[in-house]
Structures are given as C-alpha cells and as structure tokens.
Amino acid sequence: MAQAQGLGKRYIKAFFKGFFVAVPVTVTFLDRVACVARVEGASMQPSLNPGGRQESDVVLLNHWSIRNYDVQRGDIVSLV
C-alpha cells in the first residue's frame, strides 16, 4: 500500500513538472509563431466560406510572417 502511494506521488509530481513546462511553451508558440482560428460569417466570402454555407472554416494564422514583414499582395490579414 505504501509503495502504491509513493508511486502515485511520483506520477503527480511528474505531471505537474510537465504541466508547468508545457503551458508556457504552448502559450509562447501560439503568441509568437502560429495559432488556429475559426472564420464565420459572410465577411470573407468568396475566399472563405464559399457558397454562403452556415459552417465555419478553420485557418492557421501565421504570426511569424507578420513579425518579419513578409506580407504580400493577395495575403489575407487578420486583425484583432
């Protein structure tokens, strides 16, 4: 019984160590490199949501290109 308790404590400790490393790395990645966003509505038709569907499109927003000013004609830019 005591051995199982020690094993459980080790797993919990390892989980929290991983958690406190993974969360800042993930937040930094989503803020600096790229994130996923949903496009809904008619504002981006016909490029996104063609045909007036009620469904939404999912896009990958590339933050890296914006930081390097690598925007070209024809690119879709998202502002918050």
PDB file of N, CA and C in Angstrom:
ATOM      1  N   MET A   1       0.823  -1.189   0.000  1.00  0.00           N
ATOM      2  CA  MET A   1       0.000   0.000   0.000  1.00  0.00           C
ATOM      3  C   MET A   1       0.872   1.260   0.000  1.00  0.00           C
ATOM      4  N   ALA A   2       1.884   1.281   0.842  1.00  0.00           N
ATOM      5  CA  ALA A   2       2.770   2.447   0.922  1.00  0.00           C
ATOM      6  C   ALA A   2       3.536   2.625  -0.384  1.00  0.00           C
ATOM      7  N   GLN A   3       3.880   1.504  -1.022  1.00  0.00           N
ATOM      8  CA  GLN A   3       4.605   1.582  -2.282  1.00  0.00           C
ATOM      9  C   GLN A   3       3.717   2.194  -3.380  1.00  0.00           C
ATOM     10  N   ALA A   4       2.431   1.836  -3.383  1.00  0.00           N
ATOM     11  CA  ALA A   4       1.500   2.393  -4.369  1.00  0.00           C
ATOM     12  C   ALA A   4       1.301   3.885  -4.124  1.00  0.00           C
ATOM     13  N   GLN A   5       1.284   4.301  -2.875  1.00  0.00           N
ATOM     14  CA  GLN A   5       1.133   5.718  -2.557  1.00  0.00           C
ATOM     15  C   GLN A   5       2.344   6.514  -3.053  1.00  0.00           C
ATOM     16  N   GLY A   6       3.532   5.978  -2.851  1.00  0.00           N
ATOM     17  CA  GLY A   6       4.748   6.634  -3.321  1.00  0.00           C
ATOM     18  C   GLY A   6       4.791   6.729  -4.832  1.00  0.00           C
ATOM     19  N   LEU A   7       4.288   5.691  -5.486  1.00  0.00           N
ATOM     20  CA  LEU A   7       4.241   5.684  -6.950  1.00  0.00           C
ATOM     21  C   LEU A   7       3.274   6.754  -7.456  1.00  0.00           C
ATOM     22  N   GLY A   8       2.125   6.884  -6.794  1.00  0.00           N
ATOM     23  CA  GLY A   8       1.142   7.897  -7.171  1.00  0.00           C
ATOM     24  C   GLY A   8       1.691   9.305  -6.994  1.00  0.00           C
ATOM     25  N   LYS A   9       2.421   9.528  -5.907  1.00  0.00           N
ATOM     26  CA  LYS A   9       3.018  10.850  -5.671  1.00  0.00           C
ATOM     27  C   LYS A   9       4.039  11.190  -6.740  1.00  0.00           C
ATOM     28  N   ARG A  10       4.799  10.177  -7.174  1.00  0.00           N
ATOM     29  CA  ARG A  10       5.784  10.414  -8.232  1.00  0.00           C
ATOM     30  C   ARG A  10       5.109  10.808  -9.543  1.00  0.00           C
ATOM     31  N   TYR A  11       4.011  10.108  -9.868  1.00  0.00           N
ATOM     32  CA  TYR A  11       3.295  10.438 -11.099  1.00  0.00           C
ATOM     33  C   TYR A  11       2.696  11.836 -11.045  1.00  0.00           C
ATOM     34  N   ILE A  12       2.149  12.205  -9.909  1.00  0.00           N
ATOM     35  CA  ILE A  12       1.575  13.542  -9.761  1.00  0.00           C
ATOM     36  C   ILE A  12       2.664  14.606  -9.870  1.00  0.00           C
ATOM     37  N   LYS A  13       3.810  14.347  -9.235  1.00  0.00           N
ATOM     38  CA  LYS A  13       4.924  15.292  -9.295  1.00  0.00           C
ATOM     39  C   LYS A  13       5.433  15.438 -10.733  1.00  0.00           C
ATOM     40  N   ALA A  14       5.547  14.328 -11.453  1.00  0.00           N
ATOM     41  CA  ALA A  14       5.997  14.371 -12.847  1.00  0.00           C
ATOM     42  C   ALA A  14       4.981  15.100 -13.724  1.00  0.00           C
ATOM     43  N   PHE A  15       3.688  14.890 -13.454  1.00  0.00           N
ATOM     44  CA  PHE A  15       2.647  15.574 -14.221  1.00  0.00           C
ATOM     45  C   PHE A  15       2.757  17.080 -14.052  1.00  0.00           C
ATOM     46  N   PHE A  16       2.889  17.538 -12.820  1.00  0.00           N
ATOM     47  CA  PHE A  16       2.955  18.976 -12.583  1.00  0.00           C
ATOM     48  C   PHE A  16       4.235  19.592 -13.141  1.00  0.00           C
ATOM     49  N   LYS A  17       5.339  18.861 -13.100  1.00  0.00           N
ATOM     50  CA  LYS A  17       6.568  19.362 -13.728  1.00  0.00           C
ATOM     51  C   LYS A  17       6.352  19.553 -15.224  1.00  0.00           C
ATOM     52  N   GLY A  18       5.760  18.562 -15.869  1.00  0.00           N
ATOM     53  CA  GLY A  18       5.487  18.649 -17.300  1.00  0.00           C
ATOM     54  C   GLY A  18       4.491  19.747 -17.621  1.00  0.00           C
ATOM     55  N   PHE A  19       3.491  19.893 -16.765  1.00  0.00           N
ATOM     56  CA  PHE A  19       2.464  20.906 -16.959  1.00  0.00           C
ATOM     57  C   PHE A  19       3.065  22.300 -16.909  1.00  0.00           C
ATOM     58  N   PHE A  20       3.909  22.550 -15.927  1.00  0.00           N
ATOM     59  CA  PHE A  20       4.488  23.884 -15.776  1.00  0.00           C
ATOM     60  C   PHE A  20       5.550  24.193 -16.820  1.00  0.00           C
ATOM     61  N   VAL A  21       5.986  23.203 -17.560  1.00  0.00           N
ATOM     62  CA  VAL A  21       6.880  23.447 -18.695  1.00  0.00           C
ATOM     63  C   VAL A  21       6.060  23.597 -19.976  1.00  0.00           C
ATOM     64  N   ALA A  22       5.041  22.751 -20.152  1.00  0.00           N
ATOM     65  CA  ALA A  22       4.272  22.732 -21.394  1.00  0.00           C
ATOM     66  C   ALA A  22       3.404  23.973 -21.569  1.00  0.00           C
ATOM     67  N   VAL A  23       2.819  24.482 -20.513  1.00  0.00           N
ATOM     68  CA  VAL A  23       1.913  25.630 -20.643  1.00  0.00           C
ATOM     69  C   VAL A  23       2.647  26.878 -21.139  1.00  0.00           C
ATOM     70  N   PRO A  24       3.756  27.289 -20.555  1.00  0.00           N
ATOM     71  CA  PRO A  24       4.445  28.476 -21.098  1.00  0.00           C
ATOM     72  C   PRO A  24       4.957  28.280 -22.523  1.00  0.00           C
ATOM     73  N   VAL A  25       5.417  27.077 -22.846  1.00  0.00           N
ATOM     74  CA  VAL A  25       5.897  26.811 -24.202  1.00  0.00           C
ATOM     75  C   VAL A  25       4.741  26.925 -25.196  1.00  0.00           C
ATOM     76  N   THR A  26       3.596  26.366 -24.855  1.00  0.00           N
ATOM     77  CA  THR A  26       2.431  26.419 -25.733  1.00  0.00           C
ATOM     78  C   THR A  26       1.922  27.845 -25.901  1.00  0.00           C
ATOM     79  N   VAL A  27       1.843  28.592 -24.826  1.00  0.00           N
ATOM     80  CA  VAL A  27       1.371  29.978 -24.903  1.00  0.00           C
ATOM     81  C   VAL A  27       2.324  30.815 -25.754  1.00  0.00           C
ATOM     82  N   THR A  28       3.611  30.625 -25.574  1.00  0.00           N
ATOM     83  CA  THR A  28       4.596  31.357 -26.382  1.00  0.00           C
ATOM     84  C   THR A  28       4.472  30.995 -27.854  1.00  0.00           C
ATOM     85  N   PHE A  29       4.298  29.717 -28.160  1.00  0.00           N
ATOM     86  CA  PHE A  29       4.143  29.275 -29.550  1.00  0.00           C
ATOM     87  C   PHE A  29       2.902  29.915 -30.172  1.00  0.00           C
ATOM     88  N   LEU A  30       1.778  29.870 -29.467  1.00  0.00           N
ATOM     89  CA  LEU A  30       0.540  30.428 -30.010  1.00  0.00           C
ATOM     90  C   LEU A  30       0.616  31.943 -30.166  1.00  0.00           C
ATOM     91  N   ASP A  31       1.386  32.602 -29.337  1.00  0.00           N
ATOM     92  CA  ASP A  31       1.508  34.053 -29.413  1.00  0.00           C
ATOM     93  C   ASP A  31       2.513  34.506 -30.467  1.00  0.00           C
ATOM     94  N   ARG A  32       3.596  33.778 -30.628  1.00  0.00           N
ATOM     95  CA  ARG A  32       4.695  34.224 -31.490  1.00  0.00           C
ATOM     96  C   ARG A  32       4.750  33.564 -32.864  1.00  0.00           C
ATOM     97  N   VAL A  33       4.328  32.304 -32.984  1.00  0.00           N
ATOM     98  CA  VAL A  33       4.537  31.565 -34.232  1.00  0.00           C
ATOM     99  C   VAL A  33       3.244  31.414 -35.027  1.00  0.00           C
ATOM    100  N   ALA A  34       2.254  30.719 -34.492  1.00  0.00           N
ATOM    101  CA  ALA A  34       1.028  30.464 -35.234  1.00  0.00           C
ATOM    102  C   ALA A  34      -0.082  30.047 -34.289  1.00  0.00           C
ATOM    103  N   CYS A  35      -1.310  30.234 -34.732  1.00  0.00           N
ATOM    104  CA  CYS A  35      -2.463  29.756 -33.969  1.00  0.00           C
ATOM    105  C   CYS A  35      -3.581  29.398 -34.943  1.00  0.00           C
ATOM    106  N   VAL A  36      -4.555  28.690 -34.447  1.00  0.00           N
ATOM    107  CA  VAL A  36      -5.690  28.261 -35.247  1.00  0.00           C
ATOM    108  C   VAL A  36      -6.877  29.156 -34.915  1.00  0.00           C
ATOM    109  N   ALA A  37      -7.605  29.584 -35.964  1.00  0.00           N
ATOM    110  CA  ALA A  37      -8.770  30.448 -35.762  1.00  0.00           C
ATOM    111  C   ALA A  37      -9.924  29.958 -36.628  1.00  0.00           C
ATOM    112  N   ARG A  38     -11.120  30.313 -36.222  1.00  0.00           N
ATOM    113  CA  ARG A  38     -12.323  29.945 -36.957  1.00  0.00           C
ATOM    114  C   ARG A  38     -12.860  31.189 -37.663  1.00  0.00           C
ATOM    115  N   VAL A  39     -13.216  31.029 -38.945  1.00  0.00           N
ATOM    116  CA  VAL A  39     -13.781  32.123 -39.730  1.00  0.00           C
ATOM    117  C   VAL A  39     -15.253  31.818 -39.939  1.00  0.00           C
ATOM    118  N   GLU A  40     -16.105  32.711 -39.453  1.00  0.00           N
ATOM    119  CA  GLU A  40     -17.549  32.538 -39.579  1.00  0.00           C
ATOM    120  C   GLU A  40     -18.152  33.760 -40.252  1.00  0.00           C
ATOM    121  N   GLY A  41     -19.250  33.576 -40.903  1.00  0.00           N
ATOM    122  CA  GLY A  41     -19.975  34.696 -41.474  1.00  0.00           C
ATOM    123  C   GLY A  41     -19.621  34.969 -42.921  1.00  0.00           C
ATOM    124  N   ALA A  42     -20.238  36.006 -43.443  1.00  0.00           N
ATOM    125  CA  ALA A  42     -20.116  36.332 -44.866  1.00  0.00           C
ATOM    126  C   ALA A  42     -19.023  37.349 -45.161  1.00  0.00           C
ATOM    127  N   SER A  43     -18.312  37.794 -44.164  1.00  0.00           N
ATOM    128  CA  SER A  43     -17.345  38.878 -44.393  1.00  0.00           C
ATOM    129  C   SER A  43     -16.176  38.469 -45.281  1.00  0.00           C
ATOM    130  N   MET A  44     -15.837  37.188 -45.311  1.00  0.00           N
ATOM    131  CA  MET A  44     -14.694  36.743 -46.109  1.00  0.00           C
ATOM    132  C   MET A  44     -15.109  35.977 -47.365  1.00  0.00           C
ATOM    133  N   GLN A  45     -16.383  36.003 -47.723  1.00  0.00           N
ATOM    134  CA  GLN A  45     -16.813  35.301 -48.924  1.00  0.00           C
ATOM    135  C   GLN A  45     -16.343  36.054 -50.154  1.00  0.00           C
ATOM    136  N   PRO A  46     -15.991  35.447 -51.216  1.00  0.00           N
ATOM    137  CA  PRO A  46     -16.000  34.037 -51.549  1.00  0.00           C
ATOM    138  C   PRO A  46     -14.693  33.312 -51.226  1.00  0.00           C
ATOM    139  N   SER A  47     -13.680  34.029 -50.680  1.00  0.00           N
ATOM    140  CA  SER A  47     -12.403  33.371 -50.376  1.00  0.00           C
ATOM    141  C   SER A  47     -12.570  32.283 -49.326  1.00  0.00           C
ATOM    142  N   LEU A  48     -13.255  32.609 -48.246  1.00  0.00           N
ATOM    143  CA  LEU A  48     -13.532  31.645 -47.181  1.00  0.00           C
ATOM    144  C   LEU A  48     -15.045  31.548 -47.019  1.00  0.00           C
ATOM    145  N   ASN A  49     -15.524  30.399 -46.615  1.00  0.00           N
ATOM    146  CA  ASN A  49     -16.967  30.120 -46.507  1.00  0.00           C
ATOM    147  C   ASN A  49     -17.679  30.324 -47.846  1.00  0.00           C
ATOM    148  N   PRO A  50     -17.216  29.677 -48.917  1.00  0.00           N
ATOM    149  CA  PRO A  50     -17.849  29.890 -50.218  1.00  0.00           C
ATOM    150  C   PRO A  50     -19.269  29.319 -50.245  1.00  0.00           C
ATOM    151  N   GLY A  51     -20.086  29.928 -51.042  1.00  0.00           N
ATOM    152  CA  GLY A  51     -21.447  29.430 -51.230  1.00  0.00           C
ATOM    153  C   GLY A  51     -22.399  29.771 -50.102  1.00  0.00           C
ATOM    154  N   GLY A  52     -22.020  30.604 -49.187  1.00  0.00           N
ATOM    155  CA  GLY A  52     -22.901  31.012 -48.110  1.00  0.00           C
ATOM    156  C   GLY A  52     -23.231  29.906 -47.129  1.00  0.00           C
ATOM    157  N   ARG A  53     -22.336  28.954 -46.977  1.00  0.00           N
ATOM    158  CA  ARG A  53     -22.582  27.862 -46.035  1.00  0.00           C
ATOM    159  C   ARG A  53     -22.714  28.405 -44.622  1.00  0.00           C
ATOM    160  N   GLN A  54     -23.433  27.697 -43.797  1.00  0.00           N
ATOM    161  CA  GLN A  54     -23.576  28.070 -42.398  1.00  0.00           C
ATOM    162  C   GLN A  54     -22.422  27.530 -41.564  1.00  0.00           C
ATOM    163  N   GLU A  55     -21.580  26.706 -42.155  1.00  0.00           N
ATOM    164  CA  GLU A  55     -20.430  26.152 -41.454  1.00  0.00           C
ATOM    165  C   GLU A  55     -19.311  27.197 -41.399  1.00  0.00           C
ATOM    166  N   SER A  56     -18.342  26.945 -40.562  1.00  0.00           N
ATOM    167  CA  SER A  56     -17.211  27.862 -40.469  1.00  0.00           C
ATOM    168  C   SER A  56     -15.952  27.174 -40.992  1.00  0.00           C
ATOM    169  N   ASP A  57     -15.038  27.968 -41.513  1.00  0.00           N
ATOM    170  CA  ASP A  57     -13.748  27.453 -41.957  1.00  0.00           C
ATOM    171  C   ASP A  57     -12.728  27.641 -40.843  1.00  0.00           C
ATOM    172  N   VAL A  58     -11.765  26.740 -40.791  1.00  0.00           N
ATOM    173  CA  VAL A  58     -10.690  26.823 -39.807  1.00  0.00           C
ATOM    174  C   VAL A  58      -9.412  27.171 -40.557  1.00  0.00           C
ATOM    175  N   VAL A  59      -8.704  28.201 -40.085  1.00  0.00           N
ATOM    176  CA  VAL A  59      -7.486  28.661 -40.749  1.00  0.00           C
ATOM    177  C   VAL A  59      -6.327  28.698 -39.757  1.00  0.00           C
ATOM    178  N   LEU A  60      -5.126  28.626 -40.288  1.00  0.00           N
ATOM    179  CA  LEU A  60      -3.915  28.756 -39.487  1.00  0.00           C
ATOM    180  C   LEU A  60      -3.387  30.172 -39.677  1.00  0.00           C
ATOM    181  N   LEU A  61      -3.303  30.924 -38.582  1.00  0.00           N
ATOM    182  CA  LEU A  61      -2.790  32.290 -38.643  1.00  0.00           C
ATOM    183  C   LEU A  61      -1.292  32.259 -38.367  1.00  0.00           C
ATOM    184  N   ASN A  62      -0.523  32.740 -39.317  1.00  0.00           N
ATOM    185  CA  ASN A  62       0.933  32.714 -39.238  1.00  0.00           C
ATOM    186  C   ASN A  62       1.427  34.048 -38.673  1.00  0.00           C
ATOM    187  N   HIS A  63       1.802  34.062 -37.420  1.00  0.00           N
ATOM    188  CA  HIS A  63       2.306  35.278 -36.783  1.00  0.00           C
ATOM    189  C   HIS A  63       3.742  35.575 -37.195  1.00  0.00           C
ATOM    190  N   TRP A  64       4.468  34.548 -37.583  1.00  0.00           N
ATOM    191  CA  TRP A  64       5.880  34.695 -37.914  1.00  0.00           C
ATOM    192  C   TRP A  64       6.080  35.610 -39.123  1.00  0.00           C
ATOM    193  N   SER A  65       5.238  35.460 -40.153  1.00  0.00           N
ATOM    194  CA  SER A  65       5.374  36.296 -41.355  1.00  0.00           C
ATOM    195  C   SER A  65       5.098  37.758 -41.058  1.00  0.00           C
ATOM    196  N   ILE A  66       4.148  38.016 -40.185  1.00  0.00           N
ATOM    197  CA  ILE A  66       3.821  39.394 -39.836  1.00  0.00           C
ATOM    198  C   ILE A  66       4.977  40.042 -39.085  1.00  0.00           C
ATOM    199  N   ARG A  67       5.598  39.299 -38.189  1.00  0.00           N
ATOM    200  CA  ARG A  67       6.723  39.847 -37.419  1.00  0.00           C
ATOM    201  C   ARG A  67       7.916  40.170 -38.321  1.00  0.00           C
ATOM    202  N   ASN A  68       8.070  39.425 -39.413  1.00  0.00           N
ATOM    203  CA  ASN A  68       9.174  39.658 -40.345  1.00  0.00           C
ATOM    204  C   ASN A  68       8.755  40.548 -41.515  1.00  0.00           C
ATOM    205  N   TYR A  69       7.554  41.116 -41.458  1.00  0.00           N
ATOM    206  CA  TYR A  69       7.018  41.973 -42.516  1.00  0.00           C
ATOM    207  C   TYR A  69       7.055  41.283 -43.880  1.00  0.00           C
ATOM    208  N   ASP A  70       6.702  40.000 -43.876  1.00  0.00           N
ATOM    209  CA  ASP A  70       6.694  39.218 -45.109  1.00  0.00           C
ATOM    210  C   ASP A  70       5.261  39.074 -45.619  1.00  0.00           C
ATOM    211  N   VAL A  71       4.577  40.209 -45.790  1.00  0.00           N
ATOM    212  CA  VAL A  71       3.204  40.223 -46.278  1.00  0.00           C
ATOM    213  C   VAL A  71       3.228  40.643 -47.733  1.00  0.00           C
ATOM    214  N   GLN A  72       2.516  39.898 -48.569  1.00  0.00           N
ATOM    215  CA  GLN A  72       2.500  40.184 -49.998  1.00  0.00           C
ATOM    216  C   GLN A  72       1.070  40.424 -50.462  1.00  0.00           C
ATOM    217  N   ARG A  73       0.968  40.974 -51.625  1.00  0.00           N
ATOM    218  CA  ARG A  73      -0.349  41.227 -52.215  1.00  0.00           C
ATOM    219  C   ARG A  73      -1.106  39.902 -52.379  1.00  0.00           C
ATOM    220  N   GLY A  74      -2.369  39.891 -51.968  1.00  0.00           N
ATOM    221  CA  GLY A  74      -3.192  38.693 -52.069  1.00  0.00           C
ATOM    222  C   GLY A  74      -3.264  37.904 -50.771  1.00  0.00           C
ATOM    223  N   ASP A  75      -2.426  38.227 -49.798  1.00  0.00           N
ATOM    224  CA  ASP A  75      -2.474  37.551 -48.499  1.00  0.00           C
ATOM    225  C   ASP A  75      -3.683  38.037 -47.706  1.00  0.00           C
ATOM    226  N   ILE A  76      -4.237  37.153 -46.916  1.00  0.00           N
ATOM    227  CA  ILE A  76      -5.336  37.523 -46.025  1.00  0.00           C
ATOM    228  C   ILE A  76      -4.728  37.868 -44.681  1.00  0.00           C
ATOM    229  N   VAL A  77      -5.085  39.035 -44.157  1.00  0.00           N
ATOM    230  CA  VAL A  77      -4.550  39.507 -42.896  1.00  0.00           C
ATOM    231  C   VAL A  77      -5.687  39.559 -41.886  1.00  0.00           C
ATOM    232  N   SER A  78      -5.425  39.050 -40.684  1.00  0.00           N
ATOM    233  CA  SER A  78      -6.431  39.041 -39.624  1.00  0.00           C
ATOM    234  C   SER A  78      -6.031  40.025 -38.543  1.00  0.00           C
ATOM    235  N   LEU A  79      -6.953  40.883 -38.152  1.00  0.00           N
ATOM    236  CA  LEU A  79      -6.708  41.862 -37.101  1.00  0.00           C
ATOM    237  C   LEU A  79      -7.618  41.559 -35.912  1.00  0.00           C
ATOM    238  N   VAL A  80      -7.097  41.759 -34.728  1.00  0.00           N
ATOM    239  CA  VAL A  80      -7.899  41.554 -33.519  1.00  0.00           C
ATOM    240  C   VAL A  80      -8.205  42.896 -32.908  1.00  0.00           C
TER     241      VAL A  80
END
